[in-house]
Amino acid sequence: MKILKYLGIGLLVCGVLFAAAYFIKTNSKSVIEYETQTPKIVSIEREAVVTGKVIPEDEVEIKPQISGIISKLFVEEGDLVNNGDLLAKIKVIPNEQSLNSAKGRLANSKIVLNNAELDYKRNKQLFDSEIISRQEFENSQLNYSRAKQDVSNARTDLQIIKLGSAGGSSMANTNIRATVQGTILEISVKEGDQVVESNTFNNGTTIATIADLKKMIFEGKVDEADVDKLIIGMALEVNLAAIQDQQLNAKLKFIAPKGNEEQGVVQFKIEGDVYLKDSISVRAGYSANAKVVLEKKDSILGISEALLQYDRKTEKSFVEVMISDQKFEKRDVEIGITDGINVEIISGVKIDDKIKVWNKTESKKIEDNDEKGQNEEDDFDD
């Protein structure tokens, strides 16, 4: 009886072990099979995209030389004008205090003129009678001439205050004319608006802004991490947001010597001359992106950047190189420039090394088990 008991227990244990072994074997996964890639000879460009806008190279603001009210506008925004073309006309509103002072100066100068005229005529008679010397006569004559000139100046000043210009002036201050050739970008006033003259203490009211739209520049801002790699004369590729599938060439002409902090990042302004095409019309203020090649290397050893791994402690880059069938060893690599797809390998691997694609795996056993499970489900459904 005891022998049968022990025999039964043994058979039971063997059955359990066999069932466990069978379960483990049927549900185990095979060793993961990794794909590999080899280094290759590539050309890598490191580019930067600069956001900005296309604006005229020079914009000229037209300001009045006298204060008053806009009585007439002769142009509209978008009109082409030449140097000297009439843009607007100003009606002068005299200042009461200035007008009163000018009238007083004219009256005083007339009084002085009358007195100088009497003195001159009296001295002329005395000189003709040889009673006074020539010098005394010439002094009275000089005072008389000065008095007449003072009256003329006072009368002219009064006329300028009243009308804005002296009589007979071909370029009256009340006529606002273009000082350059170009396109009217903006008219800042309308008829009836009051304008202030430009002087030492006041910039004056801008009546119109004129620019030559045939001379455009790209203006953008570059991050401080890239500005040191820019060189005056570098080529830019400008793409306009308003005109799709049109690329304009440009040349870098200015890099700001001082940066400005914006949202915690220091930005440097750059400018580039844009070479316009006759087939497209570019308006001032179009938003644009400029692509500039910061660094370029041809015929260098490179790999896909996705093959790189980084040590969590040292943060150094490494790859895994296959030394035998599905056996890999870790190798530290020194990397150079990258374009986000390929990266330059300075040292660490050779061109015939097989590098592990660590983030893309394939298990034949898993696929077989999945297929087997699907077939069993199909049989069960049938």
Protein backbone atom coordinates (compact mmCIF):
# COMPACT_ATOMS: atom_id res chain seq x y z
CA MET A 1 0.00 0.00 0.00
CA LYS A 2 2.77 2.42 0.86
CA ILE A 3 4.50 1.67 -2.43
CA LEU A 4 1.34 2.44 -4.37
CA LYS A 5 0.88 5.63 -2.33
CA TYR A 6 4.42 6.82 -3.05
CA LEU A 7 4.05 5.84 -6.69
CA GLY A 8 0.88 7.87 -7.03
CA ILE A 9 2.50 10.89 -5.41
CA GLY A 10 5.48 10.56 -7.78
CA LEU A 11 3.23 10.34 -10.80
CA LEU A 12 1.31 13.38 -9.62
CA VAL A 13 4.49 15.40 -9.15
CA CYS A 14 5.79 14.36 -12.57
CA GLY A 15 2.50 15.33 -14.15
CA VAL A 16 2.60 18.75 -12.53
CA LEU A 17 6.21 19.30 -13.63
CA PHE A 18 5.43 18.16 -17.16
CA ALA A 19 2.40 20.45 -17.38
CA ALA A 20 4.43 23.41 -16.07
CA ALA A 21 7.25 22.73 -18.53
CA TYR A 22 4.81 22.45 -21.40
CA PHE A 23 3.08 25.68 -20.39
CA ILE A 24 6.37 27.58 -20.15
CA LYS A 25 7.58 26.22 -23.47
CA THR A 26 4.39 27.04 -25.37
CA ASN A 27 4.14 30.59 -23.95
CA SER A 28 7.79 31.58 -23.94
CA LYS A 29 9.07 34.25 -26.32
CA SER A 30 12.10 33.70 -28.43
CA VAL A 31 15.13 35.99 -28.32
CA ILE A 32 14.35 39.39 -29.89
CA GLU A 33 15.89 39.80 -33.31
CA TYR A 34 17.24 43.33 -33.89
CA GLU A 35 17.73 44.89 -37.26
CA THR A 36 21.03 46.57 -38.07
CA GLN A 37 22.25 49.43 -40.21
CA THR A 38 25.71 50.32 -41.47
CA PRO A 39 27.27 53.81 -41.58
CA LYS A 40 27.33 55.60 -44.91
CA ILE A 41 29.00 58.52 -46.63
CA VAL A 42 26.63 61.51 -46.51
CA SER A 43 26.50 65.29 -46.85
CA ILE A 44 24.98 67.15 -43.92
CA GLU A 45 23.75 70.72 -43.71
CA ARG A 46 22.76 72.39 -40.47
CA GLU A 47 20.14 74.99 -41.18
CA ALA A 48 18.33 77.65 -39.22
CA VAL A 49 14.94 79.11 -40.07
CA VAL A 50 14.53 82.79 -39.22
CA THR A 51 11.06 84.31 -38.96
CA GLY A 52 10.56 87.91 -39.95
CA LYS A 53 9.07 90.11 -42.65
CA VAL A 54 9.87 91.78 -45.96
CA ILE A 55 9.96 95.58 -45.77
CA PRO A 56 11.22 98.43 -47.98
CA GLU A 57 14.87 99.29 -47.54
CA ASP A 58 14.04 102.97 -46.97
CA GLU A 59 10.80 104.58 -45.86
CA VAL A 60 10.55 108.37 -45.95
CA GLU A 61 8.06 110.25 -43.79
CA ILE A 62 6.78 113.50 -45.28
CA LYS A 63 6.19 116.21 -42.65
CA PRO A 64 4.99 119.82 -43.00
CA GLN A 65 7.18 122.88 -42.53
CA ILE A 66 4.29 124.91 -41.18
CA SER A 67 1.32 124.21 -38.92
CA GLY A 68 -2.21 124.38 -40.23
CA ILE A 69 -5.15 122.37 -41.53
CA ILE A 70 -5.13 119.95 -44.47
CA SER A 71 -7.28 121.64 -47.10
CA LYS A 72 -6.67 119.22 -49.98
CA LEU A 73 -5.07 115.82 -50.60
CA PHE A 74 -3.88 115.09 -54.13
CA VAL A 75 -2.75 111.44 -53.80
CA GLU A 76 -3.99 108.11 -52.45
CA GLU A 77 -2.26 105.14 -50.88
CA GLY A 78 -0.60 103.01 -53.55
CA ASP A 79 0.03 105.88 -55.96
CA LEU A 80 3.43 106.19 -57.61
CA VAL A 81 5.00 109.64 -57.15
CA ASN A 82 8.15 111.40 -58.30
CA ASN A 83 10.38 113.77 -56.41
CA GLY A 84 8.60 117.14 -56.19
CA ASP A 85 5.05 115.89 -56.86
CA LEU A 86 2.35 117.76 -54.92
CA LEU A 87 0.86 115.59 -52.18
CA ALA A 88 -1.29 117.96 -50.12
CA LYS A 89 -2.04 121.59 -49.42
CA ILE A 90 -2.23 123.22 -46.01
CA LYS A 91 -4.44 126.12 -44.99
CA VAL A 92 -2.63 128.29 -42.47
CA ILE A 93 -4.41 129.31 -39.26
CA PRO A 94 -2.34 132.23 -37.91
CA ASN A 95 -1.43 132.39 -34.27
CA GLU A 96 -2.99 135.55 -32.83
CA GLN A 97 0.05 136.43 -30.75
CA SER A 98 2.47 135.94 -33.66
CA LEU A 99 0.16 137.87 -35.99
CA ASN A 100 -0.09 140.78 -33.57
CA SER A 101 3.67 140.88 -33.06
CA ALA A 102 4.27 140.87 -36.83
CA LYS A 103 1.85 143.77 -37.32
CA GLY A 104 3.60 145.69 -34.55
CA ARG A 105 7.05 145.12 -36.09
CA LEU A 106 5.77 146.36 -39.46
CA ALA A 107 4.29 149.50 -37.90
CA ASN A 108 7.49 150.25 -35.96
CA SER A 109 9.65 149.73 -39.03
CA LYS A 110 7.47 152.20 -40.99
CA ILE A 111 7.92 154.84 -38.30
CA VAL A 112 11.68 154.35 -38.39
CA LEU A 113 11.58 154.53 -42.19
CA ASN A 114 9.73 157.87 -42.18
CA ASN A 115 12.23 159.35 -39.76
CA ALA A 116 15.19 158.02 -41.76
CA GLU A 117 13.70 159.43 -44.98
CA LEU A 118 13.38 162.93 -43.49
CA ASP A 119 16.91 162.77 -42.14
CA TYR A 120 18.22 161.62 -45.50
CA LYS A 121 16.51 164.42 -47.44
CA ARG A 122 17.70 167.09 -45.00
CA ASN A 123 21.30 165.88 -45.09
CA LYS A 124 21.19 165.68 -48.89
CA GLN A 125 20.31 169.38 -49.10
CA LEU A 126 23.06 170.26 -46.63
CA PHE A 127 25.55 168.13 -48.55
CA ASP A 128 24.58 169.74 -51.82
CA SER A 129 25.20 173.13 -50.17
CA GLU A 130 28.57 171.83 -48.95
CA ILE A 131 27.61 172.45 -45.34
CA ILE A 132 28.17 168.82 -44.10
CA SER A 133 30.80 166.32 -45.03
CA ARG A 134 30.30 163.40 -47.38
CA GLN A 135 30.66 160.95 -44.49
CA GLU A 136 27.68 162.42 -42.61
CA PHE A 137 25.59 162.32 -45.78
CA GLU A 138 26.51 158.70 -46.50
CA ASN A 139 25.63 157.68 -42.94
CA SER A 140 22.15 159.11 -43.30
CA GLN A 141 21.81 157.41 -46.67
CA LEU A 142 22.80 154.07 -45.11
CA ASN A 143 20.25 154.43 -42.30
CA TYR A 144 17.54 155.22 -44.86
CA SER A 145 18.36 152.08 -46.89
CA ARG A 146 18.33 149.93 -43.75
CA ALA A 147 14.96 151.30 -42.71
CA LYS A 148 13.45 150.44 -46.13
CA GLN A 149 14.83 146.89 -45.88
CA ASP A 150 13.40 146.47 -42.37
CA VAL A 151 9.97 147.49 -43.65
CA SER A 152 10.21 144.95 -46.48
CA ASN A 153 11.27 142.16 -44.07
CA ALA A 154 8.47 142.98 -41.63
CA ARG A 155 5.88 142.97 -44.44
CA THR A 156 7.17 139.58 -45.67
CA ASP A 157 7.05 138.09 -42.16
CA LEU A 158 3.47 139.23 -41.77
CA GLN A 159 2.53 137.66 -45.10
CA ILE A 160 4.17 134.34 -44.15
CA ILE A 161 2.26 134.25 -40.87
CA LYS A 162 -1.00 134.98 -42.67
CA LEU A 163 -0.61 132.83 -45.78
CA GLY A 164 2.25 130.48 -45.01
CA SER A 165 4.51 131.79 -47.75
CA ALA A 166 5.90 135.00 -49.16
CA GLY A 167 4.39 136.39 -52.34
CA GLY A 168 5.98 135.01 -55.48
CA SER A 169 7.52 131.95 -53.77
CA SER A 170 7.59 128.99 -56.19
CA MET A 171 7.74 126.40 -53.36
CA ALA A 172 5.25 127.61 -50.79
CA ASN A 173 5.40 126.03 -47.33
CA THR A 174 1.70 125.29 -47.62
CA ASN A 175 2.35 122.92 -50.55
CA ILE A 176 3.47 119.49 -49.28
CA ARG A 177 5.57 117.77 -51.93
CA ALA A 178 7.27 114.38 -52.26
CA THR A 179 10.96 114.41 -51.45
CA VAL A 180 11.74 111.01 -53.03
CA GLN A 181 10.44 108.79 -55.80
CA GLY A 182 8.39 105.76 -54.80
CA THR A 183 5.00 104.41 -53.74
CA ILE A 184 2.68 105.99 -51.20
CA LEU A 185 2.55 103.35 -48.45
CA GLU A 186 0.36 105.25 -46.02
CA ILE A 187 -1.44 108.56 -45.70
CA SER A 188 -1.75 109.39 -42.02
CA VAL A 189 -4.13 112.35 -42.31
CA LYS A 190 -7.35 113.31 -44.04
CA GLU A 191 -8.75 116.59 -45.24
CA GLY A 192 -9.64 118.81 -42.30
CA ASP A 193 -7.02 117.36 -39.94
CA GLN A 194 -4.75 119.75 -38.10
CA VAL A 195 -1.01 119.20 -38.57
CA VAL A 196 2.01 120.46 -36.66
CA GLU A 197 5.23 121.58 -38.29
CA SER A 198 8.50 119.73 -37.79
CA ASN A 199 10.99 121.66 -35.67
CA THR A 200 13.74 121.24 -33.09
CA PHE A 201 11.31 120.41 -30.28
CA ASN A 202 8.68 118.45 -32.21
CA ASN A 203 8.91 115.70 -34.83
CA GLY A 204 5.82 117.07 -36.50
CA THR A 205 2.80 115.32 -38.00
CA THR A 206 3.50 112.67 -40.61
CA ILE A 207 1.36 113.36 -43.67
CA ALA A 208 2.48 110.45 -45.87
CA THR A 209 5.06 107.66 -46.00
CA ILE A 210 6.85 106.93 -49.27
CA ALA A 211 9.06 103.94 -50.13
CA ASP A 212 10.60 102.31 -53.18
CA LEU A 213 9.04 98.83 -53.38
CA LYS A 214 11.70 97.73 -55.86
CA LYS A 215 14.28 97.72 -53.06
CA MET A 216 13.15 95.32 -50.34
CA ILE A 217 14.96 93.74 -47.43
CA PHE A 218 14.26 90.78 -45.16
CA GLU A 219 14.24 91.66 -41.46
CA GLY A 220 14.24 88.92 -38.84
CA LYS A 221 15.66 87.82 -35.52
CA VAL A 222 18.18 85.05 -34.82
CA ASP A 223 18.73 83.17 -31.57
CA GLU A 224 22.01 83.85 -29.77
CA ALA A 225 23.02 80.20 -30.21
CA ASP A 226 23.19 80.64 -33.99
CA VAL A 227 24.24 84.27 -34.47
CA ASP A 228 27.95 83.52 -34.04
CA LYS A 229 27.85 81.27 -37.12
CA LEU A 230 26.42 83.98 -39.39
CA ILE A 231 28.70 85.84 -41.80
CA ILE A 232 27.92 88.97 -43.78
CA GLY A 233 27.28 87.97 -47.39
CA MET A 234 25.76 84.55 -46.60
CA ALA A 235 22.94 83.41 -48.89
CA LEU A 236 19.36 83.35 -47.60
CA GLU A 237 16.33 81.59 -49.04
CA VAL A 238 13.23 83.67 -48.33
CA ASN A 239 9.72 82.17 -48.47
CA LEU A 240 6.72 84.48 -48.30
CA ALA A 241 3.61 83.41 -46.43
CA ALA A 242 1.35 85.36 -48.79
CA ILE A 243 2.83 83.86 -51.98
CA GLN A 244 3.00 80.08 -51.94
CA ASP A 245 5.61 78.09 -53.87
CA GLN A 246 7.69 81.20 -54.51
CA GLN A 247 11.23 81.42 -53.16
CA LEU A 248 13.32 84.59 -53.21
CA ASN A 249 17.07 84.74 -52.92
CA ALA A 250 18.66 87.20 -50.50
CA LYS A 251 22.07 88.11 -49.14
CA LEU A 252 22.81 88.83 -45.49
CA LYS A 253 23.98 92.42 -45.07
CA PHE A 254 23.54 93.29 -41.38
CA ILE A 255 23.85 91.57 -38.00
CA ALA A 256 22.92 93.61 -34.95
CA PRO A 257 25.85 94.12 -32.54
CA LYS A 258 23.44 94.07 -29.58
CA GLY A 259 20.72 91.58 -28.77
CA ASN A 260 17.38 92.07 -27.05
CA GLU A 261 15.89 89.62 -24.58
CA GLU A 262 12.46 88.35 -25.59
CA GLN A 263 10.63 85.80 -23.45
CA GLY A 264 13.88 84.76 -21.78
CA VAL A 265 15.82 84.32 -25.05
CA VAL A 266 18.30 86.82 -26.46
CA GLN A 267 17.50 87.66 -30.10
CA PHE A 268 19.69 89.51 -32.63
CA LYS A 269 18.19 91.42 -35.55
CA ILE A 270 19.47 90.61 -39.03
CA GLU A 271 18.80 92.16 -42.44
CA GLY A 272 19.28 90.85 -45.94
CA ASP A 273 18.91 92.34 -49.42
CA VAL A 274 16.11 90.54 -51.28
CA TYR A 275 16.42 89.91 -55.02
CA LEU A 276 12.89 90.44 -56.36
CA LYS A 277 11.35 88.67 -59.33
CA ASP A 278 9.46 90.53 -62.03
CA SER A 279 6.79 87.83 -62.07
CA ILE A 280 5.55 88.52 -58.53
CA SER A 281 4.45 91.65 -56.68
CA VAL A 282 5.80 91.96 -53.15
CA ARG A 283 4.03 94.30 -50.75
CA ALA A 284 5.57 95.93 -47.72
CA GLY A 285 5.13 93.99 -44.49
CA TYR A 286 4.70 90.46 -45.90
CA SER A 287 5.58 87.88 -43.24
CA ALA A 288 8.39 85.60 -44.35
CA ASN A 289 10.78 82.85 -43.29
CA ALA A 290 14.43 82.86 -44.28
CA LYS A 291 16.46 79.66 -44.38
CA VAL A 292 20.21 80.00 -43.83
CA VAL A 293 22.82 77.24 -43.92
CA LEU A 294 24.86 77.59 -40.72
CA GLU A 295 27.22 74.69 -41.36
CA LYS A 296 27.77 72.21 -44.19
CA LYS A 297 30.01 69.16 -44.61
CA ASP A 298 30.28 66.94 -47.68
CA SER A 299 31.37 63.29 -47.99
CA ILE A 300 31.55 62.48 -44.28
CA LEU A 301 30.84 59.29 -42.32
CA GLY A 302 27.36 59.41 -40.84
CA ILE A 303 24.55 57.34 -39.41
CA SER A 304 20.89 57.81 -38.76
CA GLU A 305 20.43 59.88 -35.61
CA ALA A 306 17.84 57.37 -34.42
CA LEU A 307 20.66 54.83 -33.87
CA LEU A 308 22.26 56.95 -31.15
CA GLN A 309 21.75 56.19 -27.49
CA TYR A 310 22.81 58.25 -24.48
CA ASP A 311 24.20 57.16 -21.16
CA ARG A 312 21.93 58.33 -18.35
CA LYS A 313 24.80 59.11 -16.01
CA THR A 314 27.49 60.55 -18.28
CA GLU A 315 25.10 61.73 -21.04
CA LYS A 316 27.66 60.55 -23.58
CA SER A 317 26.48 59.16 -26.89
CA PHE A 318 27.02 55.52 -27.86
CA VAL A 319 25.84 52.86 -30.27
CA GLU A 320 25.64 49.07 -30.08
CA VAL A 321 27.68 47.24 -32.71
CA MET A 322 27.00 43.59 -33.61
CA ILE A 323 30.03 41.36 -32.95
CA SER A 324 28.30 38.04 -33.74
CA ASP A 325 24.81 36.73 -34.45
CA GLN A 326 22.49 38.99 -32.42
CA LYS A 327 25.25 39.81 -29.95
CA PHE A 328 26.15 43.48 -29.53
CA GLU A 329 28.74 45.52 -27.70
CA LYS A 330 28.51 49.11 -26.54
CA ARG A 331 30.80 51.62 -28.25
CA ASP A 332 31.16 55.30 -27.36
CA VAL A 333 31.09 57.58 -30.40
CA GLU A 334 32.11 61.17 -31.00
CA ILE A 335 29.53 63.00 -33.07
CA GLY A 336 29.67 66.19 -35.16
CA ILE A 337 26.98 68.17 -36.94
CA THR A 338 23.45 66.92 -37.47
CA ASP A 339 20.48 67.91 -39.56
CA GLY A 340 17.98 66.06 -37.39
CA ILE A 341 18.01 62.99 -39.65
CA ASN A 342 21.66 62.06 -40.10
CA VAL A 343 24.53 62.78 -37.72
CA GLU A 344 28.26 62.96 -38.40
CA ILE A 345 30.44 60.26 -36.76
CA ILE A 346 33.91 61.53 -35.95
CA SER A 347 35.14 58.41 -34.19
CA GLY A 348 33.88 55.18 -32.62
CA VAL A 349 32.63 53.12 -35.56
CA LYS A 350 33.78 52.13 -39.05
CA ILE A 351 31.87 52.09 -42.30
CA ASP A 352 31.44 48.30 -42.32
CA ASP A 353 30.14 48.02 -38.72
CA LYS A 354 26.59 46.81 -38.20
CA ILE A 355 24.79 49.04 -35.73
CA LYS A 356 21.80 47.90 -33.75
CA VAL A 357 18.42 49.51 -34.47
CA TRP A 358 17.53 49.56 -30.81
CA ASN A 359 14.12 51.24 -31.07
CA LYS A 360 12.69 48.86 -33.70
CA THR A 361 12.35 45.18 -32.68
CA GLU A 362 10.87 42.06 -34.26
CA SER A 363 10.07 38.70 -32.66
CA LYS A 364 9.20 35.83 -34.94
CA LYS A 365 7.94 33.80 -32.00
CA ILE A 366 5.49 36.49 -30.99
CA GLU A 367 4.20 36.74 -34.54
CA ASP A 368 3.83 32.94 -34.72
CA ASN A 369 1.95 32.87 -31.41
CA ASP A 370 -0.32 35.69 -32.52
CA GLU A 371 -1.06 33.86 -35.74
CA LYS A 372 -1.68 30.63 -33.87
CA GLY A 373 -4.03 32.35 -31.45
CA GLN A 374 -5.95 33.91 -34.31
CA ASN A 375 -6.36 30.53 -35.99
CA GLU A 376 -7.68 29.01 -32.76
CA GLU A 377 -10.20 31.82 -32.46
CA ASP A 378 -11.32 31.22 -36.03
CA ASP A 379 -11.73 27.46 -35.34
CA PHE A 380 -13.71 28.22 -32.23
CA ASP A 381 -16.02 30.55 -34.13
CA ASP A 382 -16.57 27.88 -36.78
